[in-house]
Amino acid sequence: MANRDGKRKTREQLSIRRVPELGYYLIVTDTKETEKNYMNGLRDSIPEELQRKLVIKVSNTKTDKLVSEAVNLASRQPQYREPWIIFDRDRVKNFDQITKEAEQNSIKAGWSNPCIEIWFSAYLGKIPGYNDSVTCCNGFAQTYRRITGKDYDKSDTGIYSKLCRYGNEKKAIKNAESIYKKQNEDCNNPSEMCPCTTVYGLVKEIKDKIEKECSS
């Protein structure tokens, strides 16, 4: 490929040109282990030169304060124009209000109902009909052990890479997206959409941007 002067570009110049464009993401969660470890793994899976564009913050505030925390952090770091909050339905009483507040403040919400393990399950084949977090965690742990031969540990720092190794991320995204669209047609509120997750939206958005740029 030639540049404007008619000279062929060097391999180094071509590699620089193909560096994907990715906006700055601020991802705020209220868990110190599972969601944080998964998001750290997602960040570490993308090209090294882009990893600084994904900042994961663990908030010590209650779940219902996640939106205000994300707004506050984003206002202090204006380069992060893609703010997300990641949280579980679990026993959060004002779950629907949090999702509405996020939308009102231009914060994207990656929620899982009943818990993040429903999204993890999608990697390993399907999203089962679990209605509570305890059943969901136990059910996923059994599936995880059957497929991987290992015990599931909520504090596993390598959970993202293991899900990708033993499962299929693209199929997980497709499955989760299909279920979300169906649930969204039948239910009025996220709290009624169970099992369901929107975490796939963040993963899909990031991976699609990178894949598009790398293939252009």
C-alpha atoms as a PDB file:
ATOM      1  CA  MET A   1       0.000   0.000   0.000  1.00  0.00           C
ATOM      2  CA  ALA A   2       1.349   3.430  -0.964  1.00  0.00           C
ATOM      3  CA  ASN A   3       1.110   6.710   0.906  1.00  0.00           C
ATOM      4  CA  ARG A   4       0.235  10.112  -0.578  1.00  0.00           C
ATOM      5  CA  ASP A   5       3.775  10.522  -1.952  1.00  0.00           C
ATOM      6  CA  GLY A   6       3.441   7.319  -3.926  1.00  0.00           C
ATOM      7  CA  LYS A   7       5.875   5.472  -1.675  1.00  0.00           C
ATOM      8  CA  ARG A   8       5.004   2.121  -0.176  1.00  0.00           C
ATOM      9  CA  LYS A   9       4.365   2.198   3.553  1.00  0.00           C
ATOM     10  CA  THR A  10       6.611   0.181   5.801  1.00  0.00           C
ATOM     11  CA  ARG A  11       5.280  -2.743   7.830  1.00  0.00           C
ATOM     12  CA  GLU A  12       5.654  -0.600  10.955  1.00  0.00           C
ATOM     13  CA  GLN A  13       3.545   2.182   9.451  1.00  0.00           C
ATOM     14  CA  LEU A  14       0.840  -0.285   8.447  1.00  0.00           C
ATOM     15  CA  SER A  15       0.726  -1.804  11.921  1.00  0.00           C
ATOM     16  CA  ILE A  16       0.353   1.643  13.441  1.00  0.00           C
ATOM     17  CA  ARG A  17      -2.502   2.462  11.083  1.00  0.00           C
ATOM     18  CA  ARG A  18      -4.356  -0.713  12.056  1.00  0.00           C
ATOM     19  CA  VAL A  19      -4.422   0.069  15.777  1.00  0.00           C
ATOM     20  CA  PRO A  20      -8.162  -0.063  16.601  1.00  0.00           C
ATOM     21  CA  GLU A  21     -10.007   3.044  17.672  1.00  0.00           C
ATOM     22  CA  LEU A  22     -11.716   2.485  20.992  1.00  0.00           C
ATOM     23  CA  GLY A  23     -13.400   5.059  23.181  1.00  0.00           C
ATOM     24  CA  TYR A  24     -12.430   5.456  26.813  1.00  0.00           C
ATOM     25  CA  TYR A  25     -14.587   3.231  29.046  1.00  0.00           C
ATOM     26  CA  LEU A  26     -15.259   3.768  32.728  1.00  0.00           C
ATOM     27  CA  ILE A  27     -16.724   0.611  34.264  1.00  0.00           C
ATOM     28  CA  VAL A  28     -18.031   0.917  37.819  1.00  0.00           C
ATOM     29  CA  THR A  29     -19.117  -2.090  39.875  1.00  0.00           C
ATOM     30  CA  ASP A  30     -19.949  -2.666  43.529  1.00  0.00           C
ATOM     31  CA  THR A  31     -18.269  -6.059  43.881  1.00  0.00           C
ATOM     32  CA  LYS A  32     -14.643  -6.619  44.834  1.00  0.00           C
ATOM     33  CA  GLU A  33     -14.337 -10.053  43.278  1.00  0.00           C
ATOM     34  CA  THR A  34     -16.536 -11.670  40.635  1.00  0.00           C
ATOM     35  CA  GLU A  35     -17.560  -8.767  38.411  1.00  0.00           C
ATOM     36  CA  LYS A  36     -14.258  -6.983  38.948  1.00  0.00           C
ATOM     37  CA  ASN A  37     -12.236 -10.072  38.033  1.00  0.00           C
ATOM     38  CA  TYR A  38     -14.340 -10.703  34.947  1.00  0.00           C
ATOM     39  CA  MET A  39     -13.969  -7.095  33.765  1.00  0.00           C
ATOM     40  CA  ASN A  40     -10.232  -7.114  34.423  1.00  0.00           C
ATOM     41  CA  GLY A  41     -10.004 -10.237  32.284  1.00  0.00           C
ATOM     42  CA  LEU A  42     -11.983  -8.570  29.510  1.00  0.00           C
ATOM     43  CA  ARG A  43      -9.613  -5.614  29.614  1.00  0.00           C
ATOM     44  CA  ASP A  44      -6.543  -7.850  29.530  1.00  0.00           C
ATOM     45  CA  SER A  45      -7.897  -9.723  26.498  1.00  0.00           C
ATOM     46  CA  ILE A  46      -7.841  -6.706  24.176  1.00  0.00           C
ATOM     47  CA  PRO A  47      -4.739  -5.325  22.425  1.00  0.00           C
ATOM     48  CA  GLU A  48      -2.215  -4.091  24.975  1.00  0.00           C
ATOM     49  CA  GLU A  49      -2.110  -0.581  23.547  1.00  0.00           C
ATOM     50  CA  LEU A  50      -5.859  -0.236  24.235  1.00  0.00           C
ATOM     51  CA  GLN A  51      -6.019  -1.635  27.756  1.00  0.00           C
ATOM     52  CA  ARG A  52      -5.517   1.773  29.347  1.00  0.00           C
ATOM     53  CA  LYS A  53      -8.824   2.802  27.758  1.00  0.00           C
ATOM     54  CA  LEU A  54     -10.774   0.452  30.016  1.00  0.00           C
ATOM     55  CA  VAL A  55     -10.773   1.591  33.619  1.00  0.00           C
ATOM     56  CA  ILE A  56     -12.524  -0.644  36.170  1.00  0.00           C
ATOM     57  CA  LYS A  57     -13.509   0.987  39.446  1.00  0.00           C
ATOM     58  CA  VAL A  58     -14.878  -0.854  42.466  1.00  0.00           C
ATOM     59  CA  SER A  59     -17.206   1.387  44.418  1.00  0.00           C
ATOM     60  CA  ASN A  60     -17.586   0.923  48.164  1.00  0.00           C
ATOM     61  CA  THR A  61     -21.017   2.524  48.021  1.00  0.00           C
ATOM     62  CA  LYS A  62     -24.281   0.610  48.002  1.00  0.00           C
ATOM     63  CA  THR A  63     -25.651  -0.613  44.687  1.00  0.00           C
ATOM     64  CA  ASP A  64     -28.237   2.177  44.541  1.00  0.00           C
ATOM     65  CA  LYS A  65     -25.401   4.723  44.592  1.00  0.00           C
ATOM     66  CA  LEU A  66     -23.585   3.266  41.580  1.00  0.00           C
ATOM     67  CA  VAL A  67     -25.065   5.757  39.133  1.00  0.00           C
ATOM     68  CA  SER A  68     -24.087   8.802  41.170  1.00  0.00           C
ATOM     69  CA  GLU A  69     -20.626   7.304  41.670  1.00  0.00           C
ATOM     70  CA  ALA A  70     -20.241   6.770  37.921  1.00  0.00           C
ATOM     71  CA  VAL A  71     -21.441  10.313  37.197  1.00  0.00           C
ATOM     72  CA  ASN A  72     -18.999  11.702  39.761  1.00  0.00           C
ATOM     73  CA  LEU A  73     -16.022   9.716  38.422  1.00  0.00           C
ATOM     74  CA  ALA A  74     -16.841  10.553  34.815  1.00  0.00           C
ATOM     75  CA  SER A  75     -17.088  14.258  35.596  1.00  0.00           C
ATOM     76  CA  ARG A  76     -13.593  14.166  37.097  1.00  0.00           C
ATOM     77  CA  GLN A  77     -12.211  12.214  34.139  1.00  0.00           C
ATOM     78  CA  PRO A  78     -13.980  13.676  31.093  1.00  0.00           C
ATOM     79  CA  GLN A  79     -11.981  11.546  28.650  1.00  0.00           C
ATOM     80  CA  TYR A  80     -14.033   8.542  29.758  1.00  0.00           C
ATOM     81  CA  ARG A  81     -17.056   9.119  27.548  1.00  0.00           C
ATOM     82  CA  GLU A  82     -18.342   5.542  27.765  1.00  0.00           C
ATOM     83  CA  PRO A  83     -19.461   5.059  31.396  1.00  0.00           C
ATOM     84  CA  TRP A  84     -21.038   1.766  32.474  1.00  0.00           C
ATOM     85  CA  ILE A  85     -22.234   0.311  35.757  1.00  0.00           C
ATOM     86  CA  ILE A  86     -22.147  -3.463  36.306  1.00  0.00           C
ATOM     87  CA  PHE A  87     -24.373  -4.987  38.986  1.00  0.00           C
ATOM     88  CA  ASP A  88     -26.666  -7.885  39.910  1.00  0.00           C
ATOM     89  CA  ARG A  89     -30.368  -8.019  40.614  1.00  0.00           C
ATOM     90  CA  ASP A  90     -29.829 -10.380  43.566  1.00  0.00           C
ATOM     91  CA  ARG A  91     -31.825  -8.832  46.431  1.00  0.00           C
ATOM     92  CA  VAL A  92     -31.592  -5.200  45.320  1.00  0.00           C
ATOM     93  CA  LYS A  93     -35.017  -3.697  46.066  1.00  0.00           C
ATOM     94  CA  ASN A  94     -34.808  -0.641  43.815  1.00  0.00           C
ATOM     95  CA  PHE A  95     -33.294  -2.492  40.872  1.00  0.00           C
ATOM     96  CA  ASP A  96     -35.628  -0.923  38.302  1.00  0.00           C
ATOM     97  CA  GLN A  97     -35.035   2.577  39.637  1.00  0.00           C
ATOM     98  CA  ILE A  98     -31.266   2.140  39.274  1.00  0.00           C
ATOM     99  CA  THR A  99     -31.603   1.188  35.610  1.00  0.00           C
ATOM    100  CA  LYS A 100     -33.891   4.175  34.968  1.00  0.00           C
ATOM    101  CA  GLU A 101     -31.540   6.536  36.779  1.00  0.00           C
ATOM    102  CA  ALA A 102     -28.638   5.232  34.732  1.00  0.00           C
ATOM    103  CA  GLU A 103     -30.498   5.897  31.480  1.00  0.00           C
ATOM    104  CA  GLN A 104     -31.429   9.404  32.623  1.00  0.00           C
ATOM    105  CA  ASN A 105     -27.768  10.152  33.268  1.00  0.00           C
ATOM    106  CA  SER A 106     -26.477   8.606  30.017  1.00  0.00           C
ATOM    107  CA  ILE A 107     -24.881   5.762  31.951  1.00  0.00           C
ATOM    108  CA  LYS A 108     -25.160   2.319  30.381  1.00  0.00           C
ATOM    109  CA  ALA A 109     -26.231  -0.450  32.748  1.00  0.00           C
ATOM    110  CA  GLY A 110     -24.849  -3.963  32.490  1.00  0.00           C
ATOM    111  CA  TRP A 111     -27.133  -5.828  34.872  1.00  0.00           C
ATOM    112  CA  SER A 112     -27.698  -9.523  35.472  1.00  0.00           C
ATOM    113  CA  ASN A 113     -30.896 -11.028  36.817  1.00  0.00           C
ATOM    114  CA  PRO A 114     -30.574 -12.857  39.135  1.00  0.00           C
ATOM    115  CA  CYS A 115     -26.737 -12.662  39.147  1.00  0.00           C
ATOM    116  CA  ILE A 116     -23.600 -12.480  36.971  1.00  0.00           C
ATOM    117  CA  GLU A 117     -23.398 -16.271  36.825  1.00  0.00           C
ATOM    118  CA  ILE A 118     -26.400 -16.224  34.480  1.00  0.00           C
ATOM    119  CA  TRP A 119     -24.127 -14.444  31.972  1.00  0.00           C
ATOM    120  CA  PHE A 120     -21.279 -16.861  32.685  1.00  0.00           C
ATOM    121  CA  SER A 121     -23.664 -19.731  31.930  1.00  0.00           C
ATOM    122  CA  ALA A 122     -24.176 -18.362  28.425  1.00  0.00           C
ATOM    123  CA  TYR A 123     -20.501 -19.007  27.673  1.00  0.00           C
ATOM    124  CA  LEU A 124     -20.909 -22.672  28.505  1.00  0.00           C
ATOM    125  CA  GLY A 125     -23.917 -23.345  26.310  1.00  0.00           C
ATOM    126  CA  LYS A 126     -27.158 -21.765  27.465  1.00  0.00           C
ATOM    127  CA  ILE A 127     -28.887 -19.433  29.889  1.00  0.00           C
ATOM    128  CA  PRO A 128     -30.887 -21.694  32.245  1.00  0.00           C
ATOM    129  CA  GLY A 129     -34.110 -20.642  33.960  1.00  0.00           C
ATOM    130  CA  TYR A 130     -32.729 -19.811  37.389  1.00  0.00           C
ATOM    131  CA  ASN A 131     -34.884 -17.398  39.388  1.00  0.00           C
ATOM    132  CA  ASP A 132     -32.677 -16.627  42.391  1.00  0.00           C
ATOM    133  CA  SER A 133     -28.980 -15.992  42.921  1.00  0.00           C
ATOM    134  CA  VAL A 134     -28.327 -18.988  45.180  1.00  0.00           C
ATOM    135  CA  THR A 135     -29.802 -21.465  42.698  1.00  0.00           C
ATOM    136  CA  CYS A 136     -28.051 -19.663  39.867  1.00  0.00           C
ATOM    137  CA  CYS A 137     -24.609 -19.795  41.506  1.00  0.00           C
ATOM    138  CA  ASN A 138     -24.989 -23.443  42.504  1.00  0.00           C
ATOM    139  CA  GLY A 139     -26.284 -24.431  39.093  1.00  0.00           C
ATOM    140  CA  PHE A 140     -23.476 -22.648  37.297  1.00  0.00           C
ATOM    141  CA  ALA A 141     -20.902 -24.197  39.630  1.00  0.00           C
ATOM    142  CA  GLN A 142     -22.143 -27.670  38.685  1.00  0.00           C
ATOM    143  CA  THR A 143     -22.046 -26.881  34.961  1.00  0.00           C
ATOM    144  CA  TYR A 144     -18.610 -25.290  35.296  1.00  0.00           C
ATOM    145  CA  ARG A 145     -17.178 -28.331  37.056  1.00  0.00           C
ATOM    146  CA  ARG A 146     -18.718 -30.720  34.532  1.00  0.00           C
ATOM    147  CA  ILE A 147     -17.226 -28.853  31.578  1.00  0.00           C
ATOM    148  CA  THR A 148     -13.894 -27.701  33.009  1.00  0.00           C
ATOM    149  CA  GLY A 149     -13.190 -30.342  35.627  1.00  0.00           C
ATOM    150  CA  LYS A 150     -12.498 -27.527  38.088  1.00  0.00           C
ATOM    151  CA  ASP A 151     -14.383 -26.059  41.033  1.00  0.00           C
ATOM    152  CA  TYR A 152     -15.913 -22.631  40.478  1.00  0.00           C
ATOM    153  CA  ASP A 153     -14.439 -19.911  42.668  1.00  0.00           C
ATOM    154  CA  LYS A 154     -16.177 -16.515  42.734  1.00  0.00           C
ATOM    155  CA  SER A 155     -12.823 -14.890  43.507  1.00  0.00           C
ATOM    156  CA  ASP A 156     -11.035 -16.516  40.546  1.00  0.00           C
ATOM    157  CA  THR A 157      -8.987 -13.767  38.861  1.00  0.00           C
ATOM    158  CA  GLY A 158      -8.781 -15.850  35.691  1.00  0.00           C
ATOM    159  CA  ILE A 159     -12.522 -16.396  35.244  1.00  0.00           C
ATOM    160  CA  TYR A 160     -12.767 -14.454  31.980  1.00  0.00           C
ATOM    161  CA  SER A 161     -10.018 -16.377  30.208  1.00  0.00           C
ATOM    162  CA  LYS A 162     -11.419 -19.695  31.456  1.00  0.00           C
ATOM    163  CA  LEU A 163     -14.911 -18.891  30.210  1.00  0.00           C
ATOM    164  CA  CYS A 164     -13.451 -18.065  26.799  1.00  0.00           C
ATOM    165  CA  ARG A 165     -11.261 -21.182  26.813  1.00  0.00           C
ATOM    166  CA  TYR A 166     -13.977 -23.659  27.741  1.00  0.00           C
ATOM    167  CA  GLY A 167     -16.927 -21.791  26.248  1.00  0.00           C
ATOM    168  CA  ASN A 168     -17.843 -19.622  23.287  1.00  0.00           C
ATOM    169  CA  GLU A 169     -18.087 -15.857  23.722  1.00  0.00           C
ATOM    170  CA  LYS A 170     -19.699 -15.097  20.365  1.00  0.00           C
ATOM    171  CA  LYS A 171     -22.431 -17.656  20.970  1.00  0.00           C
ATOM    172  CA  ALA A 172     -22.881 -16.341  24.503  1.00  0.00           C
ATOM    173  CA  ILE A 173     -23.450 -12.827  23.186  1.00  0.00           C
ATOM    174  CA  LYS A 174     -25.905 -14.045  20.554  1.00  0.00           C
ATOM    175  CA  ASN A 175     -27.824 -16.139  23.074  1.00  0.00           C
ATOM    176  CA  ALA A 176     -27.971 -13.388  25.716  1.00  0.00           C
ATOM    177  CA  GLU A 177     -29.026 -10.781  23.169  1.00  0.00           C
ATOM    178  CA  SER A 178     -31.819 -13.016  21.880  1.00  0.00           C
ATOM    179  CA  ILE A 179     -33.139 -13.676  25.383  1.00  0.00           C
ATOM    180  CA  TYR A 180     -32.974  -9.986  26.292  1.00  0.00           C
ATOM    181  CA  LYS A 181     -35.002  -8.982  23.232  1.00  0.00           C
ATOM    182  CA  LYS A 182     -37.620 -11.628  23.990  1.00  0.00           C
ATOM    183  CA  GLN A 183     -37.836 -10.668  27.661  1.00  0.00           C
ATOM    184  CA  ASN A 184     -38.034  -6.993  26.753  1.00  0.00           C
ATOM    185  CA  GLU A 185     -41.101  -7.688  24.616  1.00  0.00           C
ATOM    186  CA  ASP A 186     -42.906  -9.507  27.423  1.00  0.00           C
ATOM    187  CA  CYS A 187     -41.871  -7.521  30.509  1.00  0.00           C
ATOM    188  CA  ASN A 188     -42.098  -3.883  31.534  1.00  0.00           C
ATOM    189  CA  ASN A 189     -39.236  -3.776  34.035  1.00  0.00           C
ATOM    190  CA  PRO A 190     -35.752  -5.344  34.257  1.00  0.00           C
ATOM    191  CA  SER A 191     -36.660  -6.889  37.629  1.00  0.00           C
ATOM    192  CA  GLU A 192     -39.281  -8.980  35.799  1.00  0.00           C
ATOM    193  CA  MET A 193     -36.802 -10.100  33.145  1.00  0.00           C
ATOM    194  CA  CYS A 194     -35.408 -13.267  34.693  1.00  0.00           C
ATOM    195  CA  PRO A 195     -33.224 -14.957  33.689  1.00  0.00           C
ATOM    196  CA  CYS A 196     -31.638 -12.167  31.693  1.00  0.00           C
ATOM    197  CA  THR A 197     -28.513 -10.043  31.413  1.00  0.00           C
ATOM    198  CA  THR A 198     -27.300  -6.970  29.554  1.00  0.00           C
ATOM    199  CA  VAL A 199     -23.601  -7.423  30.320  1.00  0.00           C
ATOM    200  CA  TYR A 200     -23.311  -8.912  26.840  1.00  0.00           C
ATOM    201  CA  GLY A 201     -23.885  -5.396  25.476  1.00  0.00           C
ATOM    202  CA  LEU A 202     -20.616  -4.092  26.907  1.00  0.00           C
ATOM    203  CA  VAL A 203     -18.609  -7.095  25.722  1.00  0.00           C
ATOM    204  CA  LYS A 204     -20.190  -6.996  22.265  1.00  0.00           C
ATOM    205  CA  GLU A 205     -19.606  -3.267  21.896  1.00  0.00           C
ATOM    206  CA  ILE A 206     -15.927  -3.482  22.761  1.00  0.00           C
ATOM    207  CA  LYS A 207     -15.169  -6.628  20.782  1.00  0.00           C
ATOM    208  CA  ASP A 208     -17.104  -5.440  17.719  1.00  0.00           C
ATOM    209  CA  LYS A 209     -15.192  -2.158  17.616  1.00  0.00           C
ATOM    210  CA  ILE A 210     -11.850  -3.933  17.844  1.00  0.00           C
ATOM    211  CA  GLU A 211     -12.751  -6.602  15.287  1.00  0.00           C
ATOM    212  CA  LYS A 212     -14.065  -4.017  12.830  1.00  0.00           C
ATOM    213  CA  GLU A 213     -10.924  -1.921  13.013  1.00  0.00           C
ATOM    214  CA  CYS A 214      -8.566  -4.890  12.813  1.00  0.00           C
ATOM    215  CA  SER A 215     -10.310  -6.277   9.719  1.00  0.00           C
ATOM    216  CA  SER A 216     -10.405  -2.945   7.857  1.00  0.00           C
END
